[in-house]
N, C-alpha and C. Protein backbone atom coordinates (compact mmCIF):
# COMPACT_ATOMS: atom_id res chain seq x y z
N THR A 1 199.36 142.31 162.76
CA THR A 1 199.18 143.61 162.13
C THR A 1 198.33 144.50 163.03
N TYR A 2 198.36 145.78 162.74
CA TYR A 2 197.57 146.71 163.55
C TYR A 2 196.08 146.42 163.42
N GLU A 3 195.66 146.02 162.22
CA GLU A 3 194.24 145.72 162.02
C GLU A 3 193.79 144.56 162.91
N ASN A 4 194.62 143.50 162.99
CA ASN A 4 194.28 142.38 163.85
C ASN A 4 194.27 142.79 165.32
N PHE A 5 195.19 143.70 165.68
CA PHE A 5 195.24 144.20 167.06
C PHE A 5 193.94 144.93 167.42
N VAL A 6 193.47 145.79 166.54
CA VAL A 6 192.23 146.54 166.79
C VAL A 6 191.05 145.59 166.91
N VAL A 7 190.99 144.59 166.03
CA VAL A 7 189.90 143.62 166.07
C VAL A 7 189.91 142.87 167.40
N ALA A 8 191.10 142.46 167.85
CA ALA A 8 191.21 141.73 169.11
C ALA A 8 190.80 142.60 170.29
N ILE A 9 191.22 143.86 170.29
CA ILE A 9 190.86 144.78 171.37
C ILE A 9 189.35 144.97 171.43
N ASN A 10 188.72 145.11 170.27
CA ASN A 10 187.27 145.28 170.23
C ASN A 10 186.54 144.03 170.73
N GLU A 11 187.04 142.87 170.33
CA GLU A 11 186.39 141.62 170.73
C GLU A 11 186.52 141.37 172.23
N LEU A 12 187.59 141.89 172.84
CA LEU A 12 187.83 141.70 174.27
C LEU A 12 187.27 142.84 175.12
N SER A 13 186.50 143.73 174.51
CA SER A 13 185.99 144.90 175.23
C SER A 13 185.07 144.50 176.38
N PHE A 14 184.35 143.39 176.24
CA PHE A 14 183.46 142.97 177.31
C PHE A 14 184.25 142.45 178.51
N PHE A 15 185.46 141.95 178.25
CA PHE A 15 186.35 141.59 179.36
C PHE A 15 186.78 142.85 180.10
N ALA A 16 187.04 143.93 179.36
CA ALA A 16 187.39 145.21 179.98
C ALA A 16 186.24 145.73 180.83
N MET A 17 185.00 145.55 180.34
CA MET A 17 183.83 145.98 181.10
C MET A 17 183.71 145.18 182.39
N TRP A 18 183.96 143.87 182.32
CA TRP A 18 183.94 143.03 183.52
C TRP A 18 185.03 143.46 184.49
N LEU A 19 186.21 143.77 183.97
CA LEU A 19 187.32 144.22 184.81
C LEU A 19 186.98 145.53 185.49
N LEU A 20 186.36 146.44 184.75
CA LEU A 20 185.96 147.73 185.31
C LEU A 20 184.97 147.54 186.44
N GLU A 21 183.97 146.69 186.24
CA GLU A 21 182.97 146.45 187.28
C GLU A 21 183.60 145.80 188.51
N ALA A 22 184.55 144.90 188.30
CA ALA A 22 185.22 144.25 189.43
C ALA A 22 185.99 145.26 190.27
N PHE A 23 186.69 146.18 189.62
CA PHE A 23 187.41 147.22 190.36
C PHE A 23 186.45 148.16 191.08
N CYS A 24 185.35 148.53 190.42
CA CYS A 24 184.35 149.40 191.05
C CYS A 24 183.79 148.74 192.31
N ARG A 25 183.49 147.46 192.22
CA ARG A 25 182.96 146.74 193.37
C ARG A 25 183.98 146.70 194.50
N PHE A 26 185.24 146.46 194.15
CA PHE A 26 186.30 146.41 195.15
C PHE A 26 186.46 147.76 195.85
N PHE A 27 186.47 148.86 195.09
CA PHE A 27 186.64 150.18 195.67
C PHE A 27 185.42 150.58 196.52
N ARG A 28 184.22 150.14 196.12
CA ARG A 28 183.04 150.42 196.93
C ARG A 28 183.14 149.73 198.29
N GLU A 29 183.64 148.50 198.28
CA GLU A 29 183.78 147.76 199.53
C GLU A 29 184.82 148.39 200.45
N GLN A 30 185.83 149.03 199.86
CA GLN A 30 186.89 149.67 200.64
C GLN A 30 186.54 151.09 201.08
N THR A 31 185.48 151.64 200.54
CA THR A 31 185.07 153.02 200.84
C THR A 31 183.93 153.00 201.84
N GLY A 32 184.16 153.56 203.00
CA GLY A 32 183.15 153.57 204.04
C GLY A 32 182.01 154.52 203.74
N VAL A 33 180.91 154.35 204.47
CA VAL A 33 179.75 155.20 204.29
C VAL A 33 180.06 156.63 204.69
N ASP A 34 180.98 156.80 205.66
CA ASP A 34 181.30 158.14 206.15
C ASP A 34 182.25 158.91 205.23
N ILE A 35 182.74 158.26 204.18
CA ILE A 35 183.63 158.92 203.22
C ILE A 35 182.81 159.72 202.22
N ILE A 36 183.23 160.96 201.95
CA ILE A 36 182.51 161.80 201.00
C ILE A 36 182.75 161.30 199.57
N LYS A 37 181.68 161.20 198.80
CA LYS A 37 181.77 160.84 197.39
C LYS A 37 181.44 162.05 196.53
N ALA A 38 181.89 162.04 195.31
CA ALA A 38 181.61 163.13 194.37
C ALA A 38 181.06 162.55 193.08
N VAL A 39 180.08 163.24 192.50
CA VAL A 39 179.46 162.79 191.25
C VAL A 39 179.52 163.92 190.24
N ASP A 40 179.71 163.57 188.99
CA ASP A 40 179.70 164.56 187.92
C ASP A 40 179.67 163.84 186.58
N SER A 41 179.49 164.61 185.53
CA SER A 41 179.50 164.06 184.17
C SER A 41 180.42 164.91 183.31
N SER A 42 180.88 164.33 182.23
CA SER A 42 181.76 165.04 181.31
C SER A 42 181.48 164.59 179.89
N LYS A 43 181.62 165.50 178.96
CA LYS A 43 181.32 165.19 177.56
C LYS A 43 182.37 164.30 176.94
N LEU A 44 181.94 163.46 176.00
CA LEU A 44 182.84 162.65 175.19
C LEU A 44 182.47 162.90 173.73
N SER A 45 183.06 163.92 173.15
CA SER A 45 182.74 164.27 171.76
C SER A 45 183.26 163.21 170.81
N VAL A 46 182.49 162.91 169.78
CA VAL A 46 182.91 161.96 168.75
C VAL A 46 183.33 162.67 167.47
N CYS A 47 183.05 163.97 167.40
CA CYS A 47 183.47 164.79 166.27
C CYS A 47 183.29 166.25 166.64
N HIS A 48 183.83 167.14 165.82
CA HIS A 48 183.61 168.56 166.05
C HIS A 48 182.13 168.86 165.81
N ILE A 49 181.62 169.80 166.58
CA ILE A 49 180.19 170.09 166.50
C ILE A 49 179.77 170.52 165.09
N LYS A 50 180.68 171.14 164.34
CA LYS A 50 180.36 171.56 162.98
C LYS A 50 180.19 170.37 162.03
N ARG A 51 180.68 169.19 162.44
CA ARG A 51 180.59 168.01 161.59
C ARG A 51 179.53 167.02 162.08
N GLU A 52 178.63 167.47 162.92
CA GLU A 52 177.63 166.56 163.50
C GLU A 52 176.75 165.90 162.44
N PHE A 53 176.39 166.64 161.39
CA PHE A 53 175.51 166.08 160.37
C PHE A 53 176.24 165.14 159.42
N GLY A 54 177.57 165.27 159.34
CA GLY A 54 178.34 164.39 158.48
C GLY A 54 178.87 163.16 159.20
N HIS A 55 178.77 163.15 160.52
CA HIS A 55 179.27 162.00 161.29
C HIS A 55 178.28 160.84 161.19
N LYS A 56 178.76 159.67 160.80
CA LYS A 56 177.87 158.54 160.59
C LYS A 56 178.17 157.35 161.50
N VAL A 57 179.36 157.31 162.11
CA VAL A 57 179.77 156.13 162.89
C VAL A 57 178.83 155.88 164.06
N THR A 58 178.58 156.93 164.86
CA THR A 58 177.73 156.76 166.05
C THR A 58 176.42 157.51 165.92
N LYS A 59 175.99 157.75 164.69
CA LYS A 59 174.77 158.51 164.46
C LYS A 59 173.56 157.89 165.15
N ARG A 60 173.55 156.57 165.28
CA ARG A 60 172.39 155.86 165.84
C ARG A 60 172.27 156.05 167.35
N ILE A 61 173.39 156.30 168.05
CA ILE A 61 173.36 156.32 169.51
C ILE A 61 173.87 157.62 170.12
N ALA A 62 174.61 158.43 169.38
CA ALA A 62 175.13 159.70 169.92
C ALA A 62 174.06 160.78 169.85
N ALA A 63 174.30 161.88 170.54
CA ALA A 63 173.32 162.96 170.57
C ALA A 63 174.01 164.30 170.77
N LYS A 64 173.33 165.35 170.36
CA LYS A 64 173.84 166.71 170.51
C LYS A 64 173.36 167.29 171.84
N SER A 65 174.23 168.03 172.51
CA SER A 65 173.85 168.63 173.78
C SER A 65 174.75 169.83 174.04
N LYS A 66 174.39 170.58 175.07
CA LYS A 66 175.16 171.76 175.46
C LYS A 66 175.64 171.61 176.88
N GLY A 67 176.96 171.80 177.07
CA GLY A 67 177.54 171.72 178.40
C GLY A 67 178.15 173.04 178.80
N SER A 68 178.96 173.02 179.85
CA SER A 68 179.58 174.23 180.35
C SER A 68 180.58 174.82 179.35
N MET A 69 181.08 173.98 178.44
CA MET A 69 182.05 174.43 177.43
C MET A 69 181.41 174.68 176.07
N GLY A 70 180.09 174.64 176.01
CA GLY A 70 179.40 174.88 174.75
C GLY A 70 178.76 173.62 174.19
N TRP A 71 178.37 173.70 172.93
CA TRP A 71 177.70 172.58 172.28
C TRP A 71 178.70 171.48 171.93
N PHE A 72 178.24 170.23 171.97
CA PHE A 72 179.07 169.10 171.56
C PHE A 72 178.16 168.01 171.01
N TYR A 73 178.77 167.05 170.32
CA TYR A 73 178.03 165.93 169.75
C TYR A 73 178.73 164.65 170.17
N GLY A 74 178.00 163.78 170.87
CA GLY A 74 178.62 162.53 171.30
C GLY A 74 177.93 161.93 172.51
N PHE A 75 178.73 161.62 173.53
CA PHE A 75 178.23 160.92 174.71
C PHE A 75 178.56 161.70 175.97
N LYS A 76 178.07 161.18 177.09
CA LYS A 76 178.40 161.71 178.41
C LYS A 76 178.92 160.58 179.28
N LEU A 77 179.98 160.88 180.01
CA LEU A 77 180.51 159.94 181.00
C LEU A 77 180.06 160.39 182.38
N HIS A 78 179.33 159.53 183.08
CA HIS A 78 178.86 159.82 184.43
C HIS A 78 179.64 158.94 185.40
N ILE A 79 180.24 159.54 186.43
CA ILE A 79 181.01 158.76 187.40
C ILE A 79 180.74 159.25 188.82
N ILE A 80 180.94 158.34 189.78
CA ILE A 80 180.96 158.66 191.20
C ILE A 80 182.30 158.19 191.74
N VAL A 81 183.02 159.07 192.41
CA VAL A 81 184.36 158.75 192.90
C VAL A 81 184.45 159.03 194.39
N ASN A 82 185.47 158.43 195.04
CA ASN A 82 185.76 158.76 196.43
C ASN A 82 186.89 159.76 196.49
N GLN A 83 187.36 160.09 197.69
CA GLN A 83 188.38 161.12 197.85
C GLN A 83 189.77 160.65 197.43
N LEU A 84 189.94 159.36 197.17
CA LEU A 84 191.20 158.84 196.63
C LEU A 84 191.16 158.80 195.10
N MET A 85 190.12 159.39 194.53
CA MET A 85 189.93 159.45 193.07
C MET A 85 189.75 158.07 192.45
N GLU A 86 189.21 157.15 193.22
CA GLU A 86 188.88 155.82 192.71
C GLU A 86 187.42 155.84 192.24
N ILE A 87 187.18 155.30 191.06
CA ILE A 87 185.83 155.30 190.50
C ILE A 87 185.00 154.21 191.16
N LEU A 88 183.88 154.60 191.76
CA LEU A 88 182.99 153.65 192.42
C LEU A 88 181.89 153.15 191.50
N GLU A 89 181.47 153.98 190.58
CA GLU A 89 180.47 153.60 189.59
C GLU A 89 180.65 154.48 188.35
N ALA A 90 180.31 153.95 187.19
CA ALA A 90 180.45 154.72 185.95
C ALA A 90 179.46 154.21 184.91
N THR A 91 179.03 155.10 184.06
CA THR A 91 178.18 154.72 182.93
C THR A 91 178.35 155.75 181.83
N ILE A 92 178.03 155.36 180.62
CA ILE A 92 178.12 156.25 179.46
C ILE A 92 176.75 156.32 178.81
N THR A 93 176.28 157.54 178.56
CA THR A 93 174.95 157.75 177.99
C THR A 93 175.06 158.66 176.77
N PRO A 94 174.00 158.78 175.98
CA PRO A 94 173.99 159.79 174.92
C PRO A 94 174.21 161.18 175.51
N GLY A 95 174.73 162.09 174.71
CA GLY A 95 175.10 163.41 175.19
C GLY A 95 173.96 164.23 175.75
N ASN A 96 172.72 163.96 175.34
CA ASN A 96 171.59 164.77 175.81
C ASN A 96 170.94 164.22 177.07
N LYS A 97 171.56 163.25 177.70
CA LYS A 97 171.01 162.69 178.94
C LYS A 97 171.21 163.68 180.08
N ASP A 98 170.15 163.93 180.85
CA ASP A 98 170.24 164.83 182.00
C ASP A 98 171.21 164.27 183.03
N ASP A 99 172.04 165.15 183.61
CA ASP A 99 173.04 164.71 184.57
C ASP A 99 172.42 163.95 185.74
N ARG A 100 171.27 164.42 186.21
CA ARG A 100 170.63 163.78 187.36
C ARG A 100 170.08 162.40 187.00
N GLU A 101 169.60 162.25 185.78
CA GLU A 101 169.12 160.94 185.35
C GLU A 101 170.29 159.97 185.19
N GLY A 102 171.42 160.50 184.72
CA GLY A 102 172.62 159.67 184.63
C GLY A 102 173.10 159.23 186.00
N MET A 103 173.01 160.13 186.98
CA MET A 103 173.39 159.79 188.35
C MET A 103 172.49 158.70 188.91
N ALA A 104 171.20 158.77 188.59
CA ALA A 104 170.25 157.79 189.11
C ALA A 104 170.56 156.38 188.60
N ILE A 105 171.24 156.28 187.48
CA ILE A 105 171.59 154.97 186.93
C ILE A 105 172.68 154.30 187.76
N ILE A 106 173.56 155.10 188.36
CA ILE A 106 174.77 154.54 188.98
C ILE A 106 174.85 154.68 190.50
N TRP A 107 173.84 155.27 191.15
CA TRP A 107 173.99 155.49 192.59
C TRP A 107 173.29 154.44 193.45
N SER A 108 172.83 153.35 192.88
CA SER A 108 172.11 152.33 193.63
C SER A 108 172.94 151.75 194.77
N HIS A 109 174.24 151.52 194.52
CA HIS A 109 175.11 150.89 195.52
C HIS A 109 175.97 151.90 196.27
N ILE A 110 175.66 153.19 196.12
CA ILE A 110 176.42 154.24 196.78
C ILE A 110 175.61 154.81 197.94
N PHE A 111 176.24 154.89 199.11
CA PHE A 111 175.55 155.40 200.30
C PHE A 111 176.42 156.45 200.98
N GLY A 112 175.81 157.24 201.84
CA GLY A 112 176.52 158.31 202.51
C GLY A 112 176.31 159.64 201.80
N LEU A 113 177.28 160.54 201.96
CA LEU A 113 177.19 161.88 201.39
C LEU A 113 177.76 161.92 199.97
N ILE A 114 176.96 162.40 199.03
CA ILE A 114 177.38 162.56 197.64
C ILE A 114 177.36 164.04 197.31
N VAL A 115 178.49 164.58 196.89
CA VAL A 115 178.61 166.00 196.59
C VAL A 115 178.55 166.20 195.08
N ALA A 116 177.79 167.21 194.65
CA ALA A 116 177.61 167.47 193.22
C ALA A 116 177.63 168.96 192.95
N ASP A 117 177.72 169.33 191.67
CA ASP A 117 177.68 170.74 191.31
C ASP A 117 176.24 171.20 191.14
N ALA A 118 176.08 172.44 190.67
CA ALA A 118 174.73 173.03 190.58
C ALA A 118 173.84 172.33 189.56
N GLY A 119 174.40 171.54 188.67
CA GLY A 119 173.60 170.84 187.68
C GLY A 119 172.73 169.75 188.28
N TYR A 120 172.96 169.41 189.54
CA TYR A 120 172.21 168.34 190.19
C TYR A 120 171.20 168.88 191.20
N VAL A 121 170.97 170.20 191.18
CA VAL A 121 170.01 170.81 192.10
C VAL A 121 168.59 170.36 191.74
N GLY A 122 167.80 170.10 192.76
CA GLY A 122 166.40 169.69 192.56
C GLY A 122 165.86 169.11 193.83
N ALA A 123 164.82 169.71 194.37
CA ALA A 123 164.28 169.25 195.66
C ALA A 123 163.86 167.79 195.60
N ASN A 124 163.30 167.38 194.48
CA ASN A 124 162.84 166.00 194.37
C ASN A 124 164.01 165.01 194.39
N TRP A 125 165.17 165.42 193.90
CA TRP A 125 166.32 164.53 193.89
C TRP A 125 166.90 164.38 195.29
N GLN A 126 166.88 165.44 196.10
CA GLN A 126 167.30 165.32 197.48
C GLN A 126 166.39 164.36 198.24
N THR A 127 165.11 164.42 197.94
CA THR A 127 164.15 163.52 198.58
C THR A 127 164.38 162.08 198.16
N LYS A 128 164.60 161.86 196.87
CA LYS A 128 164.88 160.52 196.38
C LYS A 128 166.12 159.94 197.03
N ALA A 129 167.15 160.79 197.20
CA ALA A 129 168.39 160.33 197.82
C ALA A 129 168.15 159.89 199.26
N ARG A 130 167.39 160.69 200.02
CA ARG A 130 167.10 160.32 201.41
C ARG A 130 166.32 159.03 201.50
N ASP A 131 165.38 158.83 200.59
CA ASP A 131 164.60 157.60 200.59
C ASP A 131 165.45 156.36 200.32
N LEU A 132 166.57 156.57 199.61
CA LEU A 132 167.46 155.45 199.27
C LEU A 132 168.63 155.33 200.23
N GLY A 133 168.63 156.11 201.32
CA GLY A 133 169.67 155.99 202.32
C GLY A 133 170.95 156.73 202.00
N LYS A 134 170.85 157.83 201.27
CA LYS A 134 172.02 158.63 200.92
C LYS A 134 171.66 160.10 200.99
N THR A 135 172.67 160.95 201.00
CA THR A 135 172.46 162.40 201.08
C THR A 135 173.11 163.06 199.88
N LEU A 136 172.33 163.78 199.09
CA LEU A 136 172.84 164.50 197.93
C LEU A 136 173.01 165.97 198.29
N PHE A 137 174.25 166.44 198.25
CA PHE A 137 174.55 167.84 198.57
C PHE A 137 175.05 168.53 197.31
N ALA A 138 174.23 169.41 196.76
CA ALA A 138 174.56 170.07 195.49
C ALA A 138 174.81 171.55 195.70
N ALA A 139 175.69 172.12 194.89
CA ALA A 139 175.96 173.55 194.95
C ALA A 139 174.74 174.31 194.44
N VAL A 140 174.66 175.58 194.79
CA VAL A 140 173.54 176.41 194.34
C VAL A 140 173.88 177.05 193.01
N ARG A 141 172.83 177.33 192.23
CA ARG A 141 173.03 178.02 190.97
C ARG A 141 173.29 179.51 191.21
N ALA A 142 173.81 180.18 190.20
CA ALA A 142 174.16 181.59 190.33
C ALA A 142 172.94 182.47 190.59
N ASN A 143 171.77 182.05 190.10
CA ASN A 143 170.56 182.86 190.26
C ASN A 143 169.76 182.51 191.52
N MET A 144 170.33 181.65 192.36
CA MET A 144 169.65 181.25 193.59
C MET A 144 170.21 182.06 194.77
N LYS A 145 169.33 182.70 195.52
CA LYS A 145 169.75 183.53 196.64
C LYS A 145 169.79 182.69 197.91
N LYS A 146 170.93 182.02 198.11
CA LYS A 146 171.12 181.20 199.30
C LYS A 146 172.51 181.45 199.86
N LEU A 147 172.60 181.44 201.19
CA LEU A 147 173.87 181.61 201.87
C LEU A 147 174.49 180.25 202.13
N MET A 148 175.82 180.21 202.15
CA MET A 148 176.53 178.97 202.36
C MET A 148 177.44 179.10 203.58
N THR A 149 177.41 178.13 204.46
CA THR A 149 178.28 178.15 205.63
C THR A 149 179.69 177.76 205.23
N LYS A 150 180.62 178.00 206.13
CA LYS A 150 182.02 177.65 205.86
C LYS A 150 182.18 176.14 205.71
N LEU A 151 181.45 175.37 206.52
CA LEU A 151 181.51 173.92 206.43
C LEU A 151 180.98 173.43 205.09
N GLN A 152 179.87 174.00 204.63
CA GLN A 152 179.31 173.62 203.34
C GLN A 152 180.28 173.93 202.21
N HIS A 153 180.98 175.05 202.30
CA HIS A 153 181.96 175.41 201.29
C HIS A 153 183.10 174.41 201.26
N GLN A 154 183.55 173.97 202.43
CA GLN A 154 184.63 172.98 202.49
C GLN A 154 184.19 171.65 201.91
N ILE A 155 182.93 171.29 202.17
CA ILE A 155 182.41 170.03 201.61
C ILE A 155 182.36 170.10 200.09
N LEU A 156 181.91 171.25 199.56
CA LEU A 156 181.83 171.40 198.12
C LEU A 156 183.20 171.35 197.46
N ARG A 157 184.22 171.79 198.16
CA ARG A 157 185.58 171.73 197.60
C ARG A 157 186.04 170.29 197.39
N CYS A 158 185.45 169.37 198.14
CA CYS A 158 185.80 167.95 197.97
C CYS A 158 185.39 167.43 196.60
N ARG A 159 184.48 168.15 195.94
CA ARG A 159 184.00 167.72 194.63
C ARG A 159 185.06 167.84 193.55
N GLN A 160 186.12 168.61 193.81
CA GLN A 160 187.14 168.84 192.79
C GLN A 160 187.88 167.56 192.39
N VAL A 161 187.82 166.53 193.22
CA VAL A 161 188.52 165.29 192.88
C VAL A 161 187.98 164.69 191.60
N VAL A 162 186.67 164.84 191.36
CA VAL A 162 186.08 164.25 190.16
C VAL A 162 186.58 164.95 188.91
N GLU A 163 186.88 166.25 189.00
CA GLU A 163 187.44 166.97 187.86
C GLU A 163 188.84 166.47 187.54
N THR A 164 189.59 166.12 188.56
CA THR A 164 190.93 165.56 188.35
C THR A 164 190.85 164.22 187.65
N VAL A 165 189.86 163.41 188.02
CA VAL A 165 189.67 162.11 187.37
C VAL A 165 189.38 162.29 185.88
N PHE A 166 188.51 163.24 185.55
CA PHE A 166 188.22 163.50 184.14
C PHE A 166 189.47 163.95 183.40
N SER A 167 190.29 164.77 184.03
CA SER A 167 191.52 165.25 183.39
C SER A 167 192.45 164.10 183.07
N VAL A 168 192.61 163.18 184.02
CA VAL A 168 193.48 162.02 183.79
C VAL A 168 192.93 161.15 182.67
N LEU A 169 191.63 160.89 182.68
CA LEU A 169 191.03 160.03 181.66
C LEU A 169 191.17 160.63 180.26
N LYS A 170 190.99 161.95 180.16
CA LYS A 170 190.99 162.58 178.84
C LYS A 170 192.39 162.97 178.36
N LEU A 171 193.17 163.59 179.23
CA LEU A 171 194.46 164.13 178.81
C LEU A 171 195.57 163.08 178.82
N ARG A 172 195.55 162.16 179.78
CA ARG A 172 196.61 161.16 179.88
C ARG A 172 196.26 159.86 179.18
N LEU A 173 195.00 159.44 179.30
CA LEU A 173 194.59 158.17 178.70
C LEU A 173 193.88 158.35 177.37
N GLY A 174 193.61 159.60 176.98
CA GLY A 174 193.02 159.87 175.67
C GLY A 174 191.64 159.28 175.49
N MET A 175 190.81 159.35 176.52
CA MET A 175 189.48 158.74 176.43
C MET A 175 188.59 159.44 175.41
N GLU A 176 188.68 160.75 175.32
CA GLU A 176 187.88 161.48 174.32
C GLU A 176 188.60 161.44 172.99
N THR A 177 188.02 160.75 172.02
CA THR A 177 188.69 160.53 170.75
C THR A 177 187.69 160.54 169.60
N THR A 178 188.20 160.69 168.38
CA THR A 178 187.37 160.63 167.18
C THR A 178 187.88 159.54 166.23
N LEU A 179 188.80 158.70 166.69
CA LEU A 179 189.46 157.73 165.82
C LEU A 179 188.67 156.46 165.52
N PRO A 180 187.90 155.88 166.46
CA PRO A 180 187.19 154.63 166.15
C PRO A 180 186.29 154.76 164.93
N ARG A 181 186.13 153.65 164.22
CA ARG A 181 185.31 153.64 163.02
C ARG A 181 184.12 152.70 163.13
N SER A 182 183.70 152.43 164.37
CA SER A 182 182.50 151.62 164.59
C SER A 182 181.99 151.90 166.00
N GLU A 183 180.73 151.57 166.24
CA GLU A 183 180.17 151.74 167.58
C GLU A 183 180.91 150.88 168.58
N LEU A 184 181.24 149.64 168.18
CA LEU A 184 182.00 148.76 169.05
C LEU A 184 183.38 149.33 169.33
N GLY A 185 183.96 150.00 168.34
CA GLY A 185 185.27 150.61 168.54
C GLY A 185 185.25 151.68 169.62
N TYR A 186 184.20 152.50 169.61
CA TYR A 186 184.06 153.52 170.66
C TYR A 186 183.85 152.87 172.01
N PHE A 187 182.96 151.87 172.06
CA PHE A 187 182.69 151.18 173.31
C PHE A 187 183.96 150.56 173.88
N ALA A 188 184.73 149.88 173.02
CA ALA A 188 185.95 149.23 173.47
C ALA A 188 186.96 150.26 173.98
N HIS A 189 187.10 151.37 173.26
CA HIS A 189 188.05 152.41 173.68
C HIS A 189 187.68 152.96 175.05
N TYR A 190 186.41 153.25 175.26
CA TYR A 190 185.97 153.80 176.55
C TYR A 190 186.19 152.79 177.67
N MET A 191 185.84 151.53 177.43
CA MET A 191 185.97 150.52 178.47
C MET A 191 187.42 150.27 178.85
N TRP A 192 188.30 150.23 177.86
CA TRP A 192 189.71 149.98 178.16
C TRP A 192 190.35 151.16 178.88
N CYS A 193 189.94 152.38 178.55
CA CYS A 193 190.48 153.56 179.24
C CYS A 193 190.06 153.54 180.71
N LEU A 194 188.79 153.25 180.96
CA LEU A 194 188.31 153.20 182.34
C LEU A 194 188.95 152.06 183.12
N ALA A 195 189.10 150.90 182.48
CA ALA A 195 189.72 149.76 183.14
C ALA A 195 191.19 150.04 183.46
N ALA A 196 191.89 150.70 182.53
CA ALA A 196 193.29 151.04 182.75
C ALA A 196 193.44 152.02 183.91
N TYR A 197 192.54 152.99 183.98
CA TYR A 197 192.58 153.95 185.09
C TYR A 197 192.36 153.23 186.42
N GLN A 198 191.37 152.35 186.47
CA GLN A 198 191.08 151.63 187.70
C GLN A 198 192.24 150.72 188.11
N LEU A 199 192.91 150.16 187.13
CA LEU A 199 194.05 149.28 187.42
C LEU A 199 195.18 150.05 188.11
N THR A 200 195.45 151.26 187.63
CA THR A 200 196.50 152.07 188.27
C THR A 200 196.11 152.44 189.70
N LYS A 201 194.84 152.75 189.93
CA LYS A 201 194.37 153.08 191.27
C LYS A 201 194.43 151.86 192.19
N TYR A 202 194.17 150.70 191.64
CA TYR A 202 194.24 149.47 192.43
C TYR A 202 195.67 149.23 192.90
N PHE A 203 196.65 149.36 192.01
CA PHE A 203 198.04 149.15 192.39
C PHE A 203 198.52 150.19 193.40
N LYS A 204 198.03 151.43 193.27
CA LYS A 204 198.39 152.47 194.24
C LYS A 204 197.84 152.14 195.62
N ARG A 205 196.61 151.62 195.66
CA ARG A 205 196.04 151.24 196.95
C ARG A 205 196.82 150.09 197.57
N ILE A 206 197.18 149.10 196.77
CA ILE A 206 197.97 147.97 197.27
C ILE A 206 199.33 148.45 197.78
N TYR A 207 199.95 149.37 197.05
CA TYR A 207 201.25 149.90 197.45
C TYR A 207 201.15 150.64 198.79
N ARG A 208 200.11 151.45 198.96
CA ARG A 208 199.94 152.19 200.21
C ARG A 208 199.72 151.24 201.39
N SER A 209 199.03 150.14 201.16
CA SER A 209 198.77 149.20 202.24
C SER A 209 200.01 148.46 202.68
N GLN A 210 201.04 148.39 201.81
CA GLN A 210 202.27 147.67 202.13
C GLN A 210 203.36 148.56 202.68
N VAL A 211 203.20 149.87 202.51
CA VAL A 211 204.23 150.80 203.00
C VAL A 211 204.07 151.01 204.52
C-alpha cells in the first residue's frame, strides 16, 4: 500500500543520506583545486507564509526568514557545486540561518576559488577562507561603490550554475514541498531528492568518460 511505501522510504532515509555523502565525496575527488566552485542557499518552504502559525509538523525545527523572494517559513538548502553542476557539499538548516554560517558548515573539504553572491560579503569571511586554504570571491552589494574588472565579471557569471541546480531540484524533482506529515518525512524527502540528483550526475559523468 502507499502507506507502507511511505513508511519504508522514511525508514531508508539514512541510506539516502549515506548515498548523498558518497556521491559528494566522489565528485570532490574528481574536481580539481583549479576548478571554480559556486556556493549559494535557497529556501525550502514548508507552508505558505500566511499559515506559519498554524503549521505544526516542523514547528520545532523550522524558522521564519526573509529572502530575495520575500518572507518564507521553513528551511534553507546550502550547497557548493562545481561547473558541471555536481553537488560537492550540501546541508539543510532552519530558514533563519545566515548564508555565510551555512557555508561555513560545508566548506571544510572544499579548496580553491569559491564564487558567491552579495549575501556572502564580509571581510572577516574572506580572511577565514584564506586561512583555510581557499579563496572566497563574492559579488558586491548595490550600495557598495566598487568597480569590477571584466575578468571578475566573467568569474561571477560562473555562479549561475548553482541557480540551475536549484531549479532542477525544485521544479523537476519537487524538493520544495508541503506534503510530508512528520519531521522524518521532510528529512527523507530532502535526502532522496538530493541523492536522486547526484545519481543522475554520476551516470552523466560515467557516460562522458566512455564516449
